Every structure is written in C-alpha cells, then in structure tokens.
PDB file of N, CA and C in Angstrom:
ATOM      1  N   MET A   1       8.164  -2.723  -4.463  1.00  0.00           N
ATOM      2  CA  MET A   1       7.486  -2.785  -3.163  1.00  0.00           C
ATOM      3  C   MET A   1       7.535  -4.271  -2.636  1.00  0.00           C
ATOM      4  N   ALA A   2       7.416  -5.214  -3.499  1.00  0.00           N
ATOM      5  CA  ALA A   2       7.478  -6.616  -3.101  1.00  0.00           C
ATOM      6  C   ALA A   2       8.848  -6.947  -2.474  1.00  0.00           C
ATOM      7  N   TRP A   3       9.888  -6.351  -3.040  1.00  0.00           N
ATOM      8  CA  TRP A   3      11.231  -6.608  -2.490  1.00  0.00           C
ATOM      9  C   TRP A   3      11.273  -6.059  -1.049  1.00  0.00           C
ATOM     10  N   CYS A   4      10.746  -4.868  -0.804  1.00  0.00           N
ATOM     11  CA  CYS A   4      10.802  -4.296   0.508  1.00  0.00           C
ATOM     12  C   CYS A   4       9.989  -5.132   1.490  1.00  0.00           C
ATOM     13  N   GLU A   5       8.855  -5.693   1.027  1.00  0.00           N
ATOM     14  CA  GLU A   5       8.111  -6.498   1.963  1.00  0.00           C
ATOM     15  C   GLU A   5       8.781  -7.863   2.296  1.00  0.00           C
ATOM     16  N   ASP A   6       9.582  -8.340   1.383  1.00  0.00           N
ATOM     17  CA  ASP A   6      10.310  -9.623   1.577  1.00  0.00           C
ATOM     18  C   ASP A   6      11.450  -9.451   2.503  1.00  0.00           C
ATOM     19  N   GLU A   7      11.988  -8.229   2.593  1.00  0.00           N
ATOM     20  CA  GLU A   7      13.177  -7.971   3.397  1.00  0.00           C
ATOM     21  C   GLU A   7      12.725  -7.630   4.848  1.00  0.00           C
ATOM     22  N   THR A   8      13.145  -8.428   5.835  1.00  0.00           N
ATOM     23  CA  THR A   8      12.712  -8.192   7.216  1.00  0.00           C
ATOM     24  C   THR A   8      13.424  -7.126   7.919  1.00  0.00           C
ATOM     25  N   ASP A   9      14.624  -6.736   7.428  1.00  0.00           N
ATOM     26  CA  ASP A   9      15.390  -5.656   8.110  1.00  0.00           C
ATOM     27  C   ASP A   9      15.135  -4.336   7.463  1.00  0.00           C
ATOM     28  N   ILE A  10      14.217  -4.178   6.615  1.00  0.00           N
ATOM     29  CA  ILE A  10      13.987  -2.889   5.889  1.00  0.00           C
ATOM     30  C   ILE A  10      12.666  -2.353   6.280  1.00  0.00           C
ATOM     31  N   ASP A  11      12.680  -1.056   6.702  1.00  0.00           N
ATOM     32  CA  ASP A  11      11.407  -0.289   6.870  1.00  0.00           C
ATOM     33  C   ASP A  11      11.255   0.677   5.691  1.00  0.00           C
ATOM     34  N   TYR A  12      10.106   0.884   5.253  1.00  0.00           N
ATOM     35  CA  TYR A  12       9.882   1.756   4.108  1.00  0.00           C
ATOM     36  C   TYR A  12       8.612   2.558   4.203  1.00  0.00           C
ATOM     37  N   VAL A  13       8.599   3.626   3.453  1.00  0.00           N
ATOM     38  CA  VAL A  13       7.416   4.508   3.341  1.00  0.00           C
ATOM     39  C   VAL A  13       7.354   4.880   1.853  1.00  0.00           C
ATOM     40  N   PHE A  14       6.130   4.692   1.253  1.00  0.00           N
ATOM     41  CA  PHE A  14       5.944   5.102  -0.108  1.00  0.00           C
ATOM     42  C   PHE A  14       5.042   6.327  -0.088  1.00  0.00           C
ATOM     43  N   GLY A  15       5.318   7.299  -0.878  1.00  0.00           N
ATOM     44  CA  GLY A  15       4.504   8.493  -1.001  1.00  0.00           C
ATOM     45  C   GLY A  15       3.901   8.599  -2.436  1.00  0.00           C
ATOM     46  N   LEU A  16       2.798   9.271  -2.496  1.00  0.00           N
ATOM     47  CA  LEU A  16       2.104   9.524  -3.806  1.00  0.00           C
ATOM     48  C   LEU A  16       2.199  10.965  -4.124  1.00  0.00           C
ATOM     49  N   ALA A  17       2.345  11.280  -5.331  1.00  0.00           N
ATOM     50  CA  ALA A  17       2.384  12.712  -5.842  1.00  0.00           C
ATOM     51  C   ALA A  17       0.891  13.269  -5.521  1.00  0.00           C
ATOM     52  N   GLU A  18       0.852  14.571  -5.388  1.00  0.00           N
ATOM     53  CA  GLU A  18      -0.443  15.247  -5.179  1.00  0.00           C
ATOM     54  C   GLU A  18      -1.294  15.001  -6.456  1.00  0.00           C
ATOM     55  N   ASN A  19      -2.582  14.706  -6.234  1.00  0.00           N
ATOM     56  CA  ASN A  19      -3.518  14.439  -7.263  1.00  0.00           C
ATOM     57  C   ASN A  19      -4.720  15.275  -7.098  1.00  0.00           C
ATOM     58  N   ALA A  20      -5.016  16.143  -8.071  1.00  0.00           N
ATOM     59  CA  ALA A  20      -6.098  17.132  -7.968  1.00  0.00           C
ATOM     60  C   ALA A  20      -7.440  16.383  -7.705  1.00  0.00           C
ATOM     61  N   ARG A  21      -7.685  15.301  -8.408  1.00  0.00           N
ATOM     62  CA  ARG A  21      -8.963  14.589  -8.361  1.00  0.00           C
ATOM     63  C   ARG A  21      -9.100  14.032  -6.926  1.00  0.00           C
ATOM     64  N   LEU A  22      -8.059  13.392  -6.365  1.00  0.00           N
ATOM     65  CA  LEU A  22      -8.114  12.865  -4.983  1.00  0.00           C
ATOM     66  C   LEU A  22      -8.335  14.032  -3.963  1.00  0.00           C
ATOM     67  N   LEU A  23      -7.678  15.085  -4.120  1.00  0.00           N
ATOM     68  CA  LEU A  23      -7.856  16.200  -3.205  1.00  0.00           C
ATOM     69  C   LEU A  23      -9.270  16.745  -3.289  1.00  0.00           C
ATOM     70  N   GLN A  24      -9.915  16.777  -4.459  1.00  0.00           N
ATOM     71  CA  GLN A  24     -11.233  17.181  -4.575  1.00  0.00           C
ATOM     72  C   GLN A  24     -12.203  16.222  -3.903  1.00  0.00           C
ATOM     73  N   LEU A  25     -12.014  14.924  -4.016  1.00  0.00           N
ATOM     74  CA  LEU A  25     -12.742  13.936  -3.318  1.00  0.00           C
ATOM     75  C   LEU A  25     -12.580  14.010  -1.815  1.00  0.00           C
ATOM     76  N   LEU A  26     -11.390  14.311  -1.401  1.00  0.00           N
ATOM     77  CA  LEU A  26     -11.044  14.427   0.008  1.00  0.00           C
ATOM     78  C   LEU A  26     -11.728  15.520   0.722  1.00  0.00           C
ATOM     79  N   GLN A  27     -12.020  16.579   0.037  1.00  0.00           N
ATOM     80  CA  GLN A  27     -12.647  17.772   0.663  1.00  0.00           C
ATOM     81  C   GLN A  27     -14.000  17.436   1.322  1.00  0.00           C
ATOM     82  N   SER A  28     -14.802  16.705   0.673  1.00  0.00           N
ATOM     83  CA  SER A  28     -16.088  16.369   1.213  1.00  0.00           C
ATOM     84  C   SER A  28     -15.930  15.387   2.430  1.00  0.00           C
ATOM     85  N   ILE A  29     -14.942  14.532   2.275  1.00  0.00           N
ATOM     86  CA  ILE A  29     -14.717  13.521   3.397  1.00  0.00           C
ATOM     87  C   ILE A  29     -14.231  14.269   4.608  1.00  0.00           C
ATOM     88  N   GLN A  30     -13.305  15.240   4.392  1.00  0.00           N
ATOM     89  CA  GLN A  30     -12.746  16.056   5.549  1.00  0.00           C
ATOM     90  C   GLN A  30     -13.877  16.845   6.172  1.00  0.00           C
ATOM     91  N   TYR A  31     -14.772  17.459   5.318  1.00  0.00           N
ATOM     92  CA  TYR A  31     -15.871  18.285   5.888  1.00  0.00           C
ATOM     93  C   TYR A  31     -16.790  17.393   6.761  1.00  0.00           C
ATOM     94  N   ARG A  32     -17.161  16.254   6.302  1.00  0.00           N
ATOM     95  CA  ARG A  32     -18.062  15.369   7.018  1.00  0.00           C
ATOM     96  C   ARG A  32     -17.420  14.903   8.328  1.00  0.00           C
ATOM     97  N   ALA A  33     -16.084  14.546   8.202  1.00  0.00           N
ATOM     98  CA  ALA A  33     -15.370  14.111   9.372  1.00  0.00           C
ATOM     99  C   ALA A  33     -15.288  15.237  10.418  1.00  0.00           C
ATOM    100  N   SER A  34     -15.051  16.430  10.010  1.00  0.00           N
ATOM    101  CA  SER A  34     -14.970  17.603  10.953  1.00  0.00           C
ATOM    102  C   SER A  34     -16.328  17.839  11.590  1.00  0.00           C
ATOM    103  N   GLN A  35     -17.361  17.707  10.835  1.00  0.00           N
ATOM    104  CA  GLN A  35     -18.741  17.938  11.362  1.00  0.00           C
ATOM    105  C   GLN A  35     -19.044  16.823  12.376  1.00  0.00           C
ATOM    106  N   GLU A  36     -18.749  15.660  12.104  1.00  0.00           N
ATOM    107  CA  GLU A  36     -19.002  14.488  12.997  1.00  0.00           C
ATOM    108  C   GLU A  36     -18.187  14.681  14.258  1.00  0.00           C
ATOM    109  N   SER A  37     -16.892  15.020  14.114  1.00  0.00           N
ATOM    110  CA  SER A  37     -16.044  15.167  15.230  1.00  0.00           C
ATOM    111  C   SER A  37     -16.540  16.256  16.136  1.00  0.00           C
ATOM    112  N   SER A  38     -16.941  17.437  15.610  1.00  0.00           N
ATOM    113  CA  SER A  38     -17.349  18.520  16.415  1.00  0.00           C
ATOM    114  C   SER A  38     -18.649  18.184  17.158  1.00  0.00           C
ATOM    115  N   GLN A  39     -19.512  17.379  16.526  1.00  0.00           N
ATOM    116  CA  GLN A  39     -20.787  17.004  17.252  1.00  0.00           C
ATOM    117  C   GLN A  39     -20.452  16.092  18.405  1.00  0.00           C
ATOM    118  N   LYS A  40     -19.451  15.177  18.249  1.00  0.00           N
ATOM    119  CA  LYS A  40     -19.090  14.235  19.317  1.00  0.00           C
ATOM    120  C   LYS A  40     -18.350  14.951  20.425  1.00  0.00           C
ATOM    121  N   ILE A  41     -17.593  15.961  20.139  1.00  0.00           N
ATOM    122  CA  ILE A  41     -16.738  16.539  21.161  1.00  0.00           C
ATOM    123  C   ILE A  41     -17.535  17.652  21.943  1.00  0.00           C
ATOM    124  N   GLN A  42     -18.569  18.174  21.386  1.00  0.00           N
ATOM    125  CA  GLN A  42     -19.317  19.299  21.993  1.00  0.00           C
ATOM    126  C   GLN A  42     -19.824  18.884  23.394  1.00  0.00           C
ATOM    127  N   PRO A  43     -20.400  17.706  23.662  1.00  0.00           N
ATOM    128  CA  PRO A  43     -20.824  17.378  24.996  1.00  0.00           C
ATOM    129  C   PRO A  43     -19.623  17.296  25.915  1.00  0.00           C
ATOM    130  N   ILE A  44     -18.500  16.835  25.460  1.00  0.00           N
ATOM    131  CA  ILE A  44     -17.290  16.805  26.300  1.00  0.00           C
ATOM    132  C   ILE A  44     -16.792  18.130  26.755  1.00  0.00           C
ATOM    133  N   VAL A  45     -16.845  19.060  25.807  1.00  0.00           N
ATOM    134  CA  VAL A  45     -16.427  20.429  26.083  1.00  0.00           C
ATOM    135  C   VAL A  45     -17.375  21.066  27.059  1.00  0.00           C
ATOM    136  N   GLU A  46     -18.675  20.867  26.873  1.00  0.00           N
ATOM    137  CA  GLU A  46     -19.659  21.438  27.817  1.00  0.00           C
ATOM    138  C   GLU A  46     -19.496  20.830  29.170  1.00  0.00           C
ATOM    139  N   PHE A  47     -19.122  19.593  29.293  1.00  0.00           N
ATOM    140  CA  PHE A  47     -18.937  18.998  30.567  1.00  0.00           C
ATOM    141  C   PHE A  47     -17.842  19.693  31.383  1.00  0.00           C
ATOM    142  N   PHE A  48     -16.746  20.013  30.764  1.00  0.00           N
ATOM    143  CA  PHE A  48     -15.632  20.641  31.430  1.00  0.00           C
ATOM    144  C   PHE A  48     -15.944  22.136  31.523  1.00  0.00           C
TER     145      PHE A  48
END
C-alpha cells in the first residue's frame, strides 16, 4: 500500500474479505442509522 501511495500516477482500491464479526457489529449501526434517517426525513415527506 505504501508503494501505491508513493506513486502519483496510480489510483487504487483495496477490499477486505467478508468478516462475520464485522457484519454482526454493522447490523446495530445500520439499524440505528436507518432509524435516525427515517426520523429526519419524515417531516420532509410530510411537507410534500
């Protein structure tokens, strides 16, 4: 990765393999984010 960062003419993307523990942790974050998002968008939907 250091080599890629040193090269100015190279664009790169690194991916990570699926990880069951991270997916488990992500579920609660996704749920909270969806709840927060729906609370914020509800007044906008009602306006239209």
